[in-house]
């Protein structure tokens, strides 16, 4: 069993660590991050529009992809019980973002997505860590060539701040104590 394998490996069989995948787009502003994600996704964003419509219970016409949902649409919108990501999609739509921007927020991606300045990413990780929803994070930057550097330069210094004392650097990686 897994419990026996953990014990043979020298681990407490009752202790399981949960590592959360987090997709990141580090940018000076949320708007710039969304624009970056839109440019990377290309036509895929528009192809996802029917999925977003199903998630929030509102028919969204492709010609309206760049305008926020109307007050009438928001009044009848609801999170689909068939997809746990629907509540997030609805929350983002209610913040006033256009359907294109809602999709660029990564609401239908299979890992949480954070977009914007380093503080956005650090706050997200700290919130999950403090809620004991995650023991660590597997980070997936949007573009490897510059996304890793952006994480190191913009997010890691925030995680090293004294108020986030549960995070420590060990052997070249940030690990919770």
C-alpha atoms as a PDB file:
ATOM      1  CA  UNK A   1       0.000   0.000   0.000  1.00  0.00           C
ATOM      2  CA  UNK A   2       0.971   3.642  -0.285  1.00  0.00           C
ATOM      3  CA  UNK A   3       1.126   3.889   3.491  1.00  0.00           C
ATOM      4  CA  UNK A   4       3.622   1.011   3.683  1.00  0.00           C
ATOM      5  CA  UNK A   5       5.742   2.496   0.886  1.00  0.00           C
ATOM      6  CA  UNK A   6       5.854   5.844   2.707  1.00  0.00           C
ATOM      7  CA  UNK A   7       6.941   4.114   5.920  1.00  0.00           C
ATOM      8  CA  UNK A   8       9.667   2.157   4.075  1.00  0.00           C
ATOM      9  CA  UNK A   9      10.825   5.462   2.606  1.00  0.00           C
ATOM     10  CA  UNK A  10      11.273   6.886   6.098  1.00  0.00           C
ATOM     11  CA  UNK A  11       8.164   9.079   6.026  1.00  0.00           C
ATOM     12  CA  UNK A  12       5.308   9.350   8.456  1.00  0.00           C
ATOM     13  CA  UNK A  13       2.624   7.293   6.702  1.00  0.00           C
ATOM     14  CA  UNK A  14      -0.100   9.612   8.018  1.00  0.00           C
ATOM     15  CA  UNK A  15       1.462  12.760   6.626  1.00  0.00           C
ATOM     16  CA  UNK A  16       0.696  13.581   3.008  1.00  0.00           C
ATOM     17  CA  UNK A  17       1.953  16.707   1.303  1.00  0.00           C
ATOM     18  CA  UNK A  18      -0.258  18.381  -1.273  1.00  0.00           C
ATOM     19  CA  UNK A  19       1.565  20.320  -3.965  1.00  0.00           C
ATOM     20  CA  UNK A  20      -0.685  22.665  -5.959  1.00  0.00           C
ATOM     21  CA  UNK A  21      -0.044  23.500  -9.591  1.00  0.00           C
ATOM     22  CA  UNK A  22      -0.087  27.241 -10.225  1.00  0.00           C
ATOM     23  CA  UNK A  23       0.075  28.775 -13.691  1.00  0.00           C
ATOM     24  CA  UNK A  24       1.624  32.238 -13.599  1.00  0.00           C
ATOM     25  CA  UNK A  25       1.826  35.308 -15.789  1.00  0.00           C
ATOM     26  CA  UNK A  26       3.972  37.914 -14.062  1.00  0.00           C
ATOM     27  CA  UNK A  27       3.464  41.408 -15.483  1.00  0.00           C
ATOM     28  CA  UNK A  28       3.544  44.991 -14.168  1.00  0.00           C
ATOM     29  CA  UNK A  29      -0.289  45.111 -14.129  1.00  0.00           C
ATOM     30  CA  UNK A  30      -3.144  42.639 -14.383  1.00  0.00           C
ATOM     31  CA  UNK A  31      -4.174  44.276 -17.689  1.00  0.00           C
ATOM     32  CA  UNK A  32      -0.693  43.751 -19.160  1.00  0.00           C
ATOM     33  CA  UNK A  33      -0.702  40.160 -17.938  1.00  0.00           C
ATOM     34  CA  UNK A  34      -4.092  39.479 -19.512  1.00  0.00           C
ATOM     35  CA  UNK A  35      -2.919  41.010 -22.793  1.00  0.00           C
ATOM     36  CA  UNK A  36       0.121  38.729 -22.691  1.00  0.00           C
ATOM     37  CA  UNK A  37      -2.054  35.653 -22.076  1.00  0.00           C
ATOM     38  CA  UNK A  38      -4.405  36.703 -24.900  1.00  0.00           C
ATOM     39  CA  UNK A  39      -1.468  37.100 -27.300  1.00  0.00           C
ATOM     40  CA  UNK A  40      -0.074  33.690 -26.326  1.00  0.00           C
ATOM     41  CA  UNK A  41      -3.461  31.947 -26.641  1.00  0.00           C
ATOM     42  CA  UNK A  42      -4.336  33.441 -30.017  1.00  0.00           C
ATOM     43  CA  UNK A  43      -7.587  32.064 -31.457  1.00  0.00           C
ATOM     44  CA  UNK A  44      -7.922  29.553 -28.615  1.00  0.00           C
ATOM     45  CA  UNK A  45      -9.589  32.210 -26.442  1.00  0.00           C
ATOM     46  CA  UNK A  46     -12.513  32.614 -28.860  1.00  0.00           C
ATOM     47  CA  UNK A  47     -12.840  28.840 -29.231  1.00  0.00           C
ATOM     48  CA  UNK A  48     -13.398  28.609 -25.460  1.00  0.00           C
ATOM     49  CA  UNK A  49     -16.335  31.032 -25.467  1.00  0.00           C
ATOM     50  CA  UNK A  50     -19.038  28.290 -25.603  1.00  0.00           C
ATOM     51  CA  UNK A  51     -17.441  26.632 -22.581  1.00  0.00           C
ATOM     52  CA  UNK A  52     -17.538  29.904 -20.638  1.00  0.00           C
ATOM     53  CA  UNK A  53     -21.194  30.372 -21.644  1.00  0.00           C
ATOM     54  CA  UNK A  54     -22.031  26.934 -20.235  1.00  0.00           C
ATOM     55  CA  UNK A  55     -20.089  27.624 -17.035  1.00  0.00           C
ATOM     56  CA  UNK A  56     -22.029  30.780 -16.182  1.00  0.00           C
ATOM     57  CA  UNK A  57     -25.392  29.981 -17.778  1.00  0.00           C
ATOM     58  CA  UNK A  58     -25.375  32.920 -20.179  1.00  0.00           C
ATOM     59  CA  UNK A  59     -25.194  32.767 -23.967  1.00  0.00           C
ATOM     60  CA  UNK A  60     -22.263  34.961 -25.050  1.00  0.00           C
ATOM     61  CA  UNK A  61     -22.126  35.877 -28.718  1.00  0.00           C
ATOM     62  CA  UNK A  62     -18.641  35.935 -30.283  1.00  0.00           C
ATOM     63  CA  UNK A  63     -19.215  39.505 -31.460  1.00  0.00           C
ATOM     64  CA  UNK A  64     -19.568  40.526 -27.772  1.00  0.00           C
ATOM     65  CA  UNK A  65     -16.376  38.850 -26.570  1.00  0.00           C
ATOM     66  CA  UNK A  66     -14.696  42.188 -25.868  1.00  0.00           C
ATOM     67  CA  UNK A  67     -17.467  43.858 -23.875  1.00  0.00           C
ATOM     68  CA  UNK A  68     -18.339  43.055 -20.270  1.00  0.00           C
ATOM     69  CA  UNK A  69     -21.566  41.186 -19.647  1.00  0.00           C
ATOM     70  CA  UNK A  70     -24.633  43.415 -19.404  1.00  0.00           C
ATOM     71  CA  UNK A  71     -26.472  43.913 -16.128  1.00  0.00           C
ATOM     72  CA  UNK A  72     -29.279  41.768 -17.585  1.00  0.00           C
ATOM     73  CA  UNK A  73     -26.861  38.927 -18.332  1.00  0.00           C
ATOM     74  CA  UNK A  74     -25.277  39.199 -14.890  1.00  0.00           C
ATOM     75  CA  UNK A  75     -28.718  39.116 -13.248  1.00  0.00           C
ATOM     76  CA  UNK A  76     -29.427  35.654 -14.681  1.00  0.00           C
ATOM     77  CA  UNK A  77     -25.868  34.316 -14.634  1.00  0.00           C
ATOM     78  CA  UNK A  78     -25.186  31.409 -12.308  1.00  0.00           C
ATOM     79  CA  UNK A  79     -22.330  29.033 -11.654  1.00  0.00           C
ATOM     80  CA  UNK A  80     -22.843  25.641 -13.250  1.00  0.00           C
ATOM     81  CA  UNK A  81     -22.987  22.828 -10.691  1.00  0.00           C
ATOM     82  CA  UNK A  82     -21.278  20.627 -13.301  1.00  0.00           C
ATOM     83  CA  UNK A  83     -17.930  22.452 -13.143  1.00  0.00           C
ATOM     84  CA  UNK A  84     -16.309  23.611  -9.890  1.00  0.00           C
ATOM     85  CA  UNK A  85     -14.418  26.321 -11.794  1.00  0.00           C
ATOM     86  CA  UNK A  86     -17.711  28.008 -12.695  1.00  0.00           C
ATOM     87  CA  UNK A  87     -17.916  30.032  -9.477  1.00  0.00           C
ATOM     88  CA  UNK A  88     -14.527  31.567 -10.245  1.00  0.00           C
ATOM     89  CA  UNK A  89     -15.569  32.365 -13.817  1.00  0.00           C
ATOM     90  CA  UNK A  90     -18.735  34.046 -12.564  1.00  0.00           C
ATOM     91  CA  UNK A  91     -16.841  36.038  -9.924  1.00  0.00           C
ATOM     92  CA  UNK A  92     -14.378  37.326 -12.534  1.00  0.00           C
ATOM     93  CA  UNK A  93     -17.218  38.221 -14.937  1.00  0.00           C
ATOM     94  CA  UNK A  94     -18.976  40.126 -12.139  1.00  0.00           C
ATOM     95  CA  UNK A  95     -15.789  42.139 -11.586  1.00  0.00           C
ATOM     96  CA  UNK A  96     -16.517  43.750 -14.973  1.00  0.00           C
ATOM     97  CA  UNK A  97     -14.031  41.962 -17.224  1.00  0.00           C
ATOM     98  CA  UNK A  98     -14.994  41.143 -20.810  1.00  0.00           C
ATOM     99  CA  UNK A  99     -15.511  37.458 -21.697  1.00  0.00           C
ATOM    100  CA  UNK A 100     -12.116  37.496 -23.467  1.00  0.00           C
ATOM    101  CA  UNK A 101     -10.505  38.792 -20.274  1.00  0.00           C
ATOM    102  CA  UNK A 102     -12.429  36.315 -18.114  1.00  0.00           C
ATOM    103  CA  UNK A 103     -10.977  33.502 -20.216  1.00  0.00           C
ATOM    104  CA  UNK A 104      -7.512  35.094 -20.086  1.00  0.00           C
ATOM    105  CA  UNK A 105      -7.771  34.899 -16.283  1.00  0.00           C
ATOM    106  CA  UNK A 106      -7.484  31.136 -16.825  1.00  0.00           C
ATOM    107  CA  UNK A 107     -10.901  30.284 -15.415  1.00  0.00           C
ATOM    108  CA  UNK A 108     -11.140  27.081 -17.459  1.00  0.00           C
ATOM    109  CA  UNK A 109      -7.536  26.000 -17.050  1.00  0.00           C
ATOM    110  CA  UNK A 110      -6.967  22.937 -14.894  1.00  0.00           C
ATOM    111  CA  UNK A 111      -4.660  24.655 -12.419  1.00  0.00           C
ATOM    112  CA  UNK A 112      -5.268  27.966 -10.703  1.00  0.00           C
ATOM    113  CA  UNK A 113      -3.931  30.921 -12.697  1.00  0.00           C
ATOM    114  CA  UNK A 114      -2.473  34.115 -11.265  1.00  0.00           C
ATOM    115  CA  UNK A 115      -1.949  37.167 -13.454  1.00  0.00           C
ATOM    116  CA  UNK A 116      -0.278  40.468 -12.634  1.00  0.00           C
ATOM    117  CA  UNK A 117       2.462  41.881 -10.415  1.00  0.00           C
ATOM    118  CA  UNK A 118       4.558  39.690  -8.124  1.00  0.00           C
ATOM    119  CA  UNK A 119       2.385  40.528  -5.117  1.00  0.00           C
ATOM    120  CA  UNK A 120      -0.653  38.900  -6.783  1.00  0.00           C
ATOM    121  CA  UNK A 121       1.207  35.591  -7.057  1.00  0.00           C
ATOM    122  CA  UNK A 122       2.791  35.756  -3.596  1.00  0.00           C
ATOM    123  CA  UNK A 123      -0.547  36.657  -1.981  1.00  0.00           C
ATOM    124  CA  UNK A 124      -2.254  33.728  -3.718  1.00  0.00           C
ATOM    125  CA  UNK A 125       0.370  31.256  -2.536  1.00  0.00           C
ATOM    126  CA  UNK A 126       0.379  32.664   0.994  1.00  0.00           C
ATOM    127  CA  UNK A 127      -3.429  32.510   1.183  1.00  0.00           C
ATOM    128  CA  UNK A 128      -3.473  28.852   0.156  1.00  0.00           C
ATOM    129  CA  UNK A 129      -0.578  28.042   2.471  1.00  0.00           C
ATOM    130  CA  UNK A 130      -2.163  29.749   5.488  1.00  0.00           C
ATOM    131  CA  UNK A 131      -5.490  28.022   4.779  1.00  0.00           C
ATOM    132  CA  UNK A 132      -3.557  24.726   4.797  1.00  0.00           C
ATOM    133  CA  UNK A 133      -4.910  24.058   1.305  1.00  0.00           C
ATOM    134  CA  UNK A 134      -1.385  23.491  -0.017  1.00  0.00           C
ATOM    135  CA  UNK A 135       1.938  22.367   1.358  1.00  0.00           C
ATOM    136  CA  UNK A 136       3.832  23.693  -1.632  1.00  0.00           C
ATOM    137  CA  UNK A 137       3.487  24.800  -5.226  1.00  0.00           C
ATOM    138  CA  UNK A 138       4.476  23.513  -8.626  1.00  0.00           C
ATOM    139  CA  UNK A 139       4.869  26.691 -10.675  1.00  0.00           C
ATOM    140  CA  UNK A 140       4.211  26.787 -14.415  1.00  0.00           C
ATOM    141  CA  UNK A 141       5.103  30.147 -15.942  1.00  0.00           C
ATOM    142  CA  UNK A 142       3.263  31.106 -19.122  1.00  0.00           C
ATOM    143  CA  UNK A 143       6.484  31.306 -21.152  1.00  0.00           C
ATOM    144  CA  UNK A 144       9.556  29.529 -19.820  1.00  0.00           C
ATOM    145  CA  UNK A 145      12.107  31.820 -21.489  1.00  0.00           C
ATOM    146  CA  UNK A 146      11.202  34.856 -19.393  1.00  0.00           C
ATOM    147  CA  UNK A 147       8.527  33.578 -17.009  1.00  0.00           C
ATOM    148  CA  UNK A 148      10.963  31.841 -14.667  1.00  0.00           C
ATOM    149  CA  UNK A 149      13.105  34.963 -14.378  1.00  0.00           C
ATOM    150  CA  UNK A 150       9.993  37.038 -13.676  1.00  0.00           C
ATOM    151  CA  UNK A 151       8.991  34.650 -10.877  1.00  0.00           C
ATOM    152  CA  UNK A 152      12.466  34.765  -9.357  1.00  0.00           C
ATOM    153  CA  UNK A 153      12.779  38.542  -9.667  1.00  0.00           C
ATOM    154  CA  UNK A 154       9.236  39.593  -8.748  1.00  0.00           C
ATOM    155  CA  UNK A 155       7.710  36.864  -6.553  1.00  0.00           C
ATOM    156  CA  UNK A 156      10.532  35.232  -4.594  1.00  0.00           C
ATOM    157  CA  UNK A 157      11.623  38.483  -2.877  1.00  0.00           C
ATOM    158  CA  UNK A 158       8.074  38.953  -1.578  1.00  0.00           C
ATOM    159  CA  UNK A 159       7.952  35.371  -0.291  1.00  0.00           C
ATOM    160  CA  UNK A 160      11.224  36.034   1.551  1.00  0.00           C
ATOM    161  CA  UNK A 161       9.779  38.989   3.478  1.00  0.00           C
ATOM    162  CA  UNK A 162       9.732  38.512   7.259  1.00  0.00           C
ATOM    163  CA  UNK A 163       5.910  38.418   7.424  1.00  0.00           C
ATOM    164  CA  UNK A 164       6.005  35.264   5.301  1.00  0.00           C
ATOM    165  CA  UNK A 165       8.314  33.504   7.717  1.00  0.00           C
ATOM    166  CA  UNK A 166       6.913  30.043   6.936  1.00  0.00           C
ATOM    167  CA  UNK A 167       8.729  30.166   3.609  1.00  0.00           C
ATOM    168  CA  UNK A 168      12.478  29.524   3.663  1.00  0.00           C
ATOM    169  CA  UNK A 169      14.977  28.920   0.918  1.00  0.00           C
ATOM    170  CA  UNK A 170      16.626  25.519   1.163  1.00  0.00           C
ATOM    171  CA  UNK A 171      19.072  24.142  -1.367  1.00  0.00           C
ATOM    172  CA  UNK A 172      18.010  26.583  -4.073  1.00  0.00           C
ATOM    173  CA  UNK A 173      14.237  26.321  -3.777  1.00  0.00           C
ATOM    174  CA  UNK A 174      11.578  27.863  -1.577  1.00  0.00           C
ATOM    175  CA  UNK A 175      10.155  25.285   0.738  1.00  0.00           C
ATOM    176  CA  UNK A 176       7.744  25.659   3.640  1.00  0.00           C
ATOM    177  CA  UNK A 177       9.206  24.634   7.002  1.00  0.00           C
END
